[in-house]
Amino acid sequence: MVVLVLLVLLITLGLLYYINEDLIKALIHDVFGGSMGAKYKRIPEFAMFPDKYETIDMVREALQTEGLESCNLIIGVDYTASNEFQGKRTFGGRCLHTIDQFEQNPYQKVISIIGKTLAAFDEDNLIPVYGFGDITTKDRAVFPFLNHRSCEGFDEVLEQYTQVTPRVKLSGPTNFAPIIDEAIKIVARNMEFHILLIIADGQVTNERATIKAIEKASEYPLSIVMVGVGDGPWDMMHKFDDMLPYRQFDNFQFVDYHSIMAKGGPTEARFALMALMEIPQQFNAIKRLGLLGK
């Protein structure tokens, strides 16, 4: 009878772990404490950062106040097949990667707006850019826009995007872990502050691998800004933004591009503000944790 009860308990815990790994980690910590639970201890310093700035100038001033004189940018572009239909409501039914000489697509617009905002902070003007989710990389790897070197400035990022995209065969599934892992490799070379900009069209297929990559990234001076383009849904992105307590700091910011641009008014400034809202607090946390130059 005891064996049967234990078997049922183990099966139940296994199912719960599959559904909500964080819940079981917390349970292990609460029940076992010390040795067994220590591995899964919730980071006591962790807290979600509130969005507290009202203008992009306030964000810039806060970055300067925190001592951020320069930062390095890394860009990841989603080439999964869902881009074909994710523009049904938000991009006139067209593929989100449609190249049109008269109109920028959502990916081009995001790169342009973020470029205008961060250009002053990107001292060396070198931007590594990677694609993921295409037929060659699927959910396992990334490919560089340029072999052997980074793009020189945002103008070249846009130029290379325009040249590379028509040759890419969209595929999938969607997994952010490869692009986050690639960013970690870059940051680990000198442990300088970097911002990883991921532009993608929807839900992640491999949620667990992506969560583990986000948690691992919090051990490095790396901020992740994920900009959602297309119709969504964005439930999982909000979870990554606000509900992953097993991180050294809140290192992930999600922004729904189309919902901001649909509001009218100074939309580009508002979008840039929302995308970079948490960067000053993230940089402060990175300094406090001693991650720079570690």
Protein backbone atom coordinates (compact mmCIF):
# COMPACT_ATOMS: atom_id res chain seq x y z
CA MET A 1 0.00 0.00 0.00
CA VAL A 2 2.83 2.39 0.94
CA VAL A 3 4.62 1.57 -2.31
CA LEU A 4 1.44 2.33 -4.28
CA VAL A 5 1.00 5.70 -2.52
CA LEU A 6 4.64 6.62 -3.21
CA LEU A 7 4.24 5.60 -6.85
CA VAL A 8 1.14 7.80 -7.25
CA LEU A 9 2.96 10.68 -5.54
CA LEU A 10 5.97 10.37 -7.86
CA ILE A 11 3.76 10.27 -10.96
CA THR A 12 1.84 13.33 -9.73
CA LEU A 13 5.05 15.24 -9.05
CA GLY A 14 6.35 14.26 -12.47
CA LEU A 15 3.24 15.61 -14.18
CA LEU A 16 3.39 18.83 -12.16
CA TYR A 17 7.08 19.22 -12.99
CA TYR A 18 6.28 18.94 -16.68
CA ILE A 19 3.51 21.53 -16.33
CA ASN A 20 5.29 23.93 -13.97
CA GLU A 21 8.94 23.28 -13.22
CA ASP A 22 9.28 26.41 -11.08
CA LEU A 23 6.45 25.25 -8.80
CA ILE A 24 8.17 21.95 -8.08
CA LYS A 25 11.54 23.64 -7.53
CA ALA A 26 9.94 25.90 -4.95
CA LEU A 27 8.23 22.90 -3.32
CA ILE A 28 11.54 21.01 -3.11
CA HIS A 29 13.15 24.03 -1.48
CA ASP A 30 10.31 24.53 1.00
CA VAL A 31 10.14 20.85 2.00
CA PHE A 32 13.80 19.88 2.04
CA GLY A 33 15.47 23.24 2.74
CA GLY A 34 19.27 22.80 3.03
CA SER A 35 21.15 20.25 0.98
CA MET A 36 18.59 18.98 -1.50
CA GLY A 37 16.60 22.21 -1.70
CA ALA A 38 19.60 24.53 -1.85
CA LYS A 39 20.11 23.76 -5.51
CA TYR A 40 16.69 25.22 -6.25
CA LYS A 41 16.78 28.13 -3.81
CA ARG A 42 14.87 31.15 -4.99
CA ILE A 43 17.25 34.09 -5.46
CA PRO A 44 16.42 36.36 -2.47
CA GLU A 45 17.50 39.54 -4.26
CA PHE A 46 15.36 38.85 -7.32
CA ALA A 47 12.57 41.30 -8.04
CA MET A 48 10.77 42.35 -11.19
CA PHE A 49 11.74 45.86 -12.23
CA PRO A 50 8.84 48.33 -12.55
CA ASP A 51 8.50 50.43 -15.70
CA LYS A 52 9.08 53.89 -14.23
CA TYR A 53 10.35 56.24 -16.96
CA GLU A 54 8.12 58.55 -18.98
CA THR A 55 10.40 59.65 -21.83
CA ILE A 56 13.31 58.17 -23.75
CA ASP A 57 15.46 61.10 -22.53
CA MET A 58 14.79 59.96 -18.96
CA VAL A 59 16.05 56.49 -19.89
CA ARG A 60 19.20 57.96 -21.45
CA GLU A 61 19.80 60.14 -18.39
CA ALA A 62 19.29 57.17 -16.07
CA LEU A 63 21.80 55.12 -18.07
CA GLN A 64 24.35 57.91 -17.81
CA THR A 65 23.64 58.30 -14.08
CA GLU A 66 24.34 54.59 -13.61
CA GLY A 67 27.69 55.12 -15.33
CA LEU A 68 26.82 53.45 -18.62
CA GLU A 69 28.94 55.26 -21.18
CA SER A 70 28.69 52.62 -23.88
CA CYS A 71 27.05 49.27 -24.55
CA ASN A 72 27.28 46.55 -27.14
CA LEU A 73 24.30 45.30 -29.10
CA ILE A 74 23.57 41.81 -30.44
CA ILE A 75 20.55 41.16 -32.68
CA GLY A 76 18.62 37.93 -33.26
CA VAL A 77 16.03 37.67 -36.06
CA ASP A 78 13.28 35.03 -36.14
CA TYR A 79 12.98 33.12 -39.43
CA THR A 80 10.38 30.56 -38.39
CA ALA A 81 7.58 29.62 -40.80
CA SER A 82 4.90 31.29 -38.67
CA ASN A 83 6.10 34.62 -40.08
CA GLU A 84 4.14 33.66 -43.21
CA PHE A 85 0.76 34.05 -41.48
CA GLN A 86 1.44 36.08 -38.33
CA GLY A 87 0.82 39.32 -40.22
CA LYS A 88 -2.81 38.48 -40.99
CA ARG A 89 -4.15 41.19 -38.67
CA THR A 90 -1.14 43.46 -38.15
CA PHE A 91 0.58 43.51 -41.55
CA GLY A 92 -2.20 43.27 -44.12
CA GLY A 93 -2.02 39.48 -44.41
CA ARG A 94 1.53 39.59 -45.75
CA CYS A 95 4.55 37.64 -44.55
CA LEU A 96 6.26 39.67 -41.82
CA HIS A 97 9.55 39.35 -43.73
CA THR A 98 8.16 40.83 -46.98
CA ILE A 99 10.80 43.05 -48.60
CA ASP A 100 9.23 46.11 -50.25
CA GLN A 101 11.26 49.05 -51.54
CA PHE A 102 8.42 51.43 -50.64
CA GLU A 103 7.58 50.21 -47.13
CA GLN A 104 9.59 48.75 -44.28
CA ASN A 105 8.35 45.51 -42.74
CA PRO A 106 8.02 45.19 -38.93
CA TYR A 107 11.53 43.74 -38.53
CA GLN A 108 13.07 46.63 -40.45
CA LYS A 109 11.07 49.18 -38.46
CA VAL A 110 12.15 47.72 -35.11
CA ILE A 111 15.82 47.73 -36.14
CA SER A 112 15.53 51.32 -37.37
CA ILE A 113 13.86 52.65 -34.21
CA ILE A 114 16.17 50.87 -31.77
CA GLY A 115 19.11 51.95 -33.91
CA LYS A 116 18.24 55.63 -33.59
CA THR A 117 17.95 55.28 -29.83
CA LEU A 118 21.06 53.22 -29.06
CA ALA A 119 23.45 54.59 -31.67
CA ALA A 120 24.90 57.10 -29.19
CA PHE A 121 25.74 54.32 -26.70
CA ASP A 122 27.25 51.82 -29.17
CA GLU A 123 30.84 53.04 -29.08
CA ASP A 124 32.49 50.61 -31.50
CA ASN A 125 29.46 50.54 -33.85
CA LEU A 126 29.95 46.78 -34.38
CA ILE A 127 26.75 44.73 -34.19
CA PRO A 128 26.73 40.91 -34.48
CA VAL A 129 23.45 39.87 -36.16
CA TYR A 130 22.09 36.31 -36.31
CA GLY A 131 19.09 34.55 -37.77
CA PHE A 132 17.42 31.53 -36.21
CA GLY A 133 14.56 29.15 -36.96
CA ASP A 134 15.26 28.79 -40.69
CA ILE A 135 15.56 25.50 -42.58
CA THR A 136 19.29 25.17 -41.81
CA THR A 137 19.28 26.03 -38.09
CA LYS A 138 15.73 25.04 -37.03
CA ASP A 139 15.63 25.16 -33.20
CA ARG A 140 19.24 24.03 -32.73
CA ALA A 141 21.54 26.84 -33.85
CA VAL A 142 21.88 30.32 -35.35
CA PHE A 143 23.47 31.66 -38.54
CA PRO A 144 25.40 34.95 -38.85
CA PHE A 145 24.32 37.61 -41.32
CA LEU A 146 28.00 38.13 -42.10
CA ASN A 147 30.74 35.53 -41.85
CA HIS A 148 33.92 36.57 -40.01
CA ARG A 149 32.74 40.03 -38.96
CA SER A 150 29.95 42.08 -37.40
CA CYS A 151 27.78 44.65 -39.13
CA GLU A 152 29.15 48.18 -38.92
CA GLY A 153 26.25 50.25 -37.65
CA PHE A 154 22.51 49.96 -38.07
CA ASP A 155 22.58 51.00 -41.72
CA GLU A 156 24.58 47.88 -42.54
CA VAL A 157 22.30 45.78 -40.32
CA LEU A 158 19.34 46.89 -42.45
CA GLU A 159 21.31 46.42 -45.66
CA GLN A 160 22.32 42.87 -44.73
CA TYR A 161 18.79 42.04 -43.56
CA THR A 162 17.47 43.12 -46.98
CA GLN A 163 20.05 40.96 -48.77
CA VAL A 164 19.86 37.89 -46.52
CA THR A 165 16.10 37.58 -46.00
CA PRO A 166 15.00 36.72 -49.59
CA ARG A 167 17.47 33.79 -49.57
CA VAL A 168 16.29 32.33 -46.27
CA LYS A 169 13.83 29.42 -46.22
CA LEU A 170 11.53 29.79 -43.22
CA SER A 171 11.16 26.76 -40.97
CA GLY A 172 11.14 26.22 -37.19
CA PRO A 173 10.27 25.29 -34.48
CA THR A 174 10.81 28.39 -32.32
CA ASN A 175 13.46 28.29 -29.63
CA PHE A 176 15.25 31.34 -28.19
CA ALA A 177 17.91 29.24 -26.43
CA PRO A 178 20.37 29.14 -29.38
CA ILE A 179 20.44 32.94 -29.84
CA ILE A 180 20.68 33.52 -26.07
CA ASP A 181 23.50 30.97 -25.82
CA GLU A 182 25.31 32.68 -28.71
CA ALA A 183 24.97 36.03 -26.94
CA ILE A 184 26.37 34.51 -23.73
CA LYS A 185 29.44 33.29 -25.66
CA ILE A 186 30.04 36.81 -26.97
CA VAL A 187 29.59 38.43 -23.55
CA ALA A 188 31.83 35.84 -21.84
CA ARG A 189 34.84 36.99 -23.88
CA ASN A 190 35.25 40.22 -21.91
CA MET A 191 32.23 40.40 -19.55
CA GLU A 192 31.25 43.84 -20.81
CA PHE A 193 27.62 44.98 -20.80
CA HIS A 194 25.60 43.86 -23.82
CA ILE A 195 21.98 44.14 -24.93
CA LEU A 196 20.50 41.22 -26.88
CA LEU A 197 17.63 42.38 -29.09
CA ILE A 198 15.44 39.45 -30.17
CA ILE A 199 12.81 40.24 -32.81
CA ALA A 200 10.32 37.40 -33.16
CA ASP A 201 6.75 36.66 -34.15
CA GLY A 202 5.23 34.54 -31.43
CA GLN A 203 5.20 31.72 -28.95
CA VAL A 204 8.24 29.59 -28.22
CA THR A 205 7.89 25.87 -28.96
CA ASN A 206 10.69 24.74 -26.64
CA GLU A 207 9.71 26.67 -23.52
CA ARG A 208 11.89 24.81 -21.04
CA ALA A 209 15.12 25.25 -23.03
CA THR A 210 14.38 28.95 -23.46
CA ILE A 211 13.69 29.42 -19.73
CA LYS A 212 16.95 27.70 -18.81
CA ALA A 213 18.84 29.92 -21.26
CA ILE A 214 17.26 33.08 -19.79
CA GLU A 215 18.19 31.92 -16.28
CA LYS A 216 21.76 31.18 -17.36
CA ALA A 217 22.02 34.59 -19.06
CA SER A 218 21.32 36.29 -15.72
CA GLU A 219 24.80 35.20 -14.61
CA TYR A 220 26.30 37.54 -17.22
CA PRO A 221 26.19 41.32 -17.89
CA LEU A 222 23.49 40.81 -20.51
CA SER A 223 20.06 42.40 -20.88
CA ILE A 224 17.53 40.71 -23.18
CA VAL A 225 14.93 42.80 -24.99
CA MET A 226 12.37 40.73 -26.90
CA VAL A 227 10.23 42.65 -29.38
CA GLY A 228 7.14 40.80 -30.56
CA VAL A 229 6.04 41.48 -34.13
CA GLY A 230 2.87 40.12 -35.72
CA ASP A 231 -0.43 38.95 -34.27
CA GLY A 232 0.76 37.06 -31.16
CA PRO A 233 -0.38 35.65 -28.75
CA TRP A 234 2.20 36.87 -26.23
CA ASP A 235 1.27 35.03 -23.02
CA MET A 236 4.57 33.17 -22.88
CA MET A 237 6.58 36.35 -23.44
CA HIS A 238 4.84 38.00 -20.49
CA LYS A 239 5.75 34.94 -18.43
CA PHE A 240 9.41 35.27 -19.42
CA ASP A 241 9.24 38.97 -18.54
CA ASP A 242 7.59 38.72 -15.12
CA MET A 243 7.40 35.14 -13.83
CA LEU A 244 10.89 33.57 -13.80
CA PRO A 245 12.21 34.00 -10.24
CA TYR A 246 15.25 31.72 -10.63
CA ARG A 247 17.44 34.47 -12.05
CA GLN A 248 20.15 36.65 -10.57
CA PHE A 249 18.20 39.68 -11.77
CA ASP A 250 15.22 40.56 -13.98
CA ASN A 251 17.06 40.35 -17.30
CA PHE A 252 14.18 40.04 -19.81
CA GLN A 253 11.94 42.80 -21.17
CA PHE A 254 9.09 42.07 -23.60
CA VAL A 255 7.48 44.67 -25.85
CA ASP A 256 4.52 44.14 -28.19
CA TYR A 257 5.50 46.30 -31.16
CA HIS A 258 2.12 46.50 -32.89
CA SER A 259 0.06 47.31 -29.78
CA ILE A 260 2.28 50.33 -29.14
CA MET A 261 2.33 51.51 -32.75
CA ALA A 262 -1.49 51.24 -32.95
CA LYS A 263 -2.02 53.86 -30.23
CA GLY A 264 -1.13 56.85 -32.40
CA GLY A 265 0.85 59.91 -31.38
CA PRO A 266 4.66 59.74 -31.03
CA THR A 267 4.68 55.97 -31.51
CA GLU A 268 8.37 55.52 -32.33
CA ALA A 269 9.47 57.34 -29.18
CA ARG A 270 6.96 55.37 -27.09
CA PHE A 271 8.13 52.07 -28.55
CA ALA A 272 11.81 52.89 -27.92
CA LEU A 273 10.92 53.92 -24.37
CA MET A 274 9.10 50.65 -23.64
CA ALA A 275 11.85 48.55 -25.21
CA LEU A 276 14.62 50.15 -23.14
CA MET A 277 12.62 50.94 -19.98
CA GLU A 278 14.33 48.38 -17.73
CA ILE A 279 17.90 48.79 -19.01
CA PRO A 280 19.02 51.31 -16.33
CA GLN A 281 17.81 49.07 -13.48
CA GLN A 282 19.25 45.98 -15.14
CA PHE A 283 22.63 47.69 -15.51
CA ASN A 284 22.48 48.74 -11.85
CA ALA A 285 21.75 45.13 -10.82
CA ILE A 286 24.61 43.87 -12.99
CA LYS A 287 27.01 46.27 -11.23
CA ARG A 288 25.67 45.34 -7.78
CA LEU A 289 26.11 41.63 -8.51
CA GLY A 290 29.69 42.20 -9.66
CA LEU A 291 29.13 40.69 -13.11
CA LEU A 292 31.08 43.31 -15.10
CA GLY A 293 34.61 42.22 -15.97
CA LYS A 294 34.15 39.13 -13.81
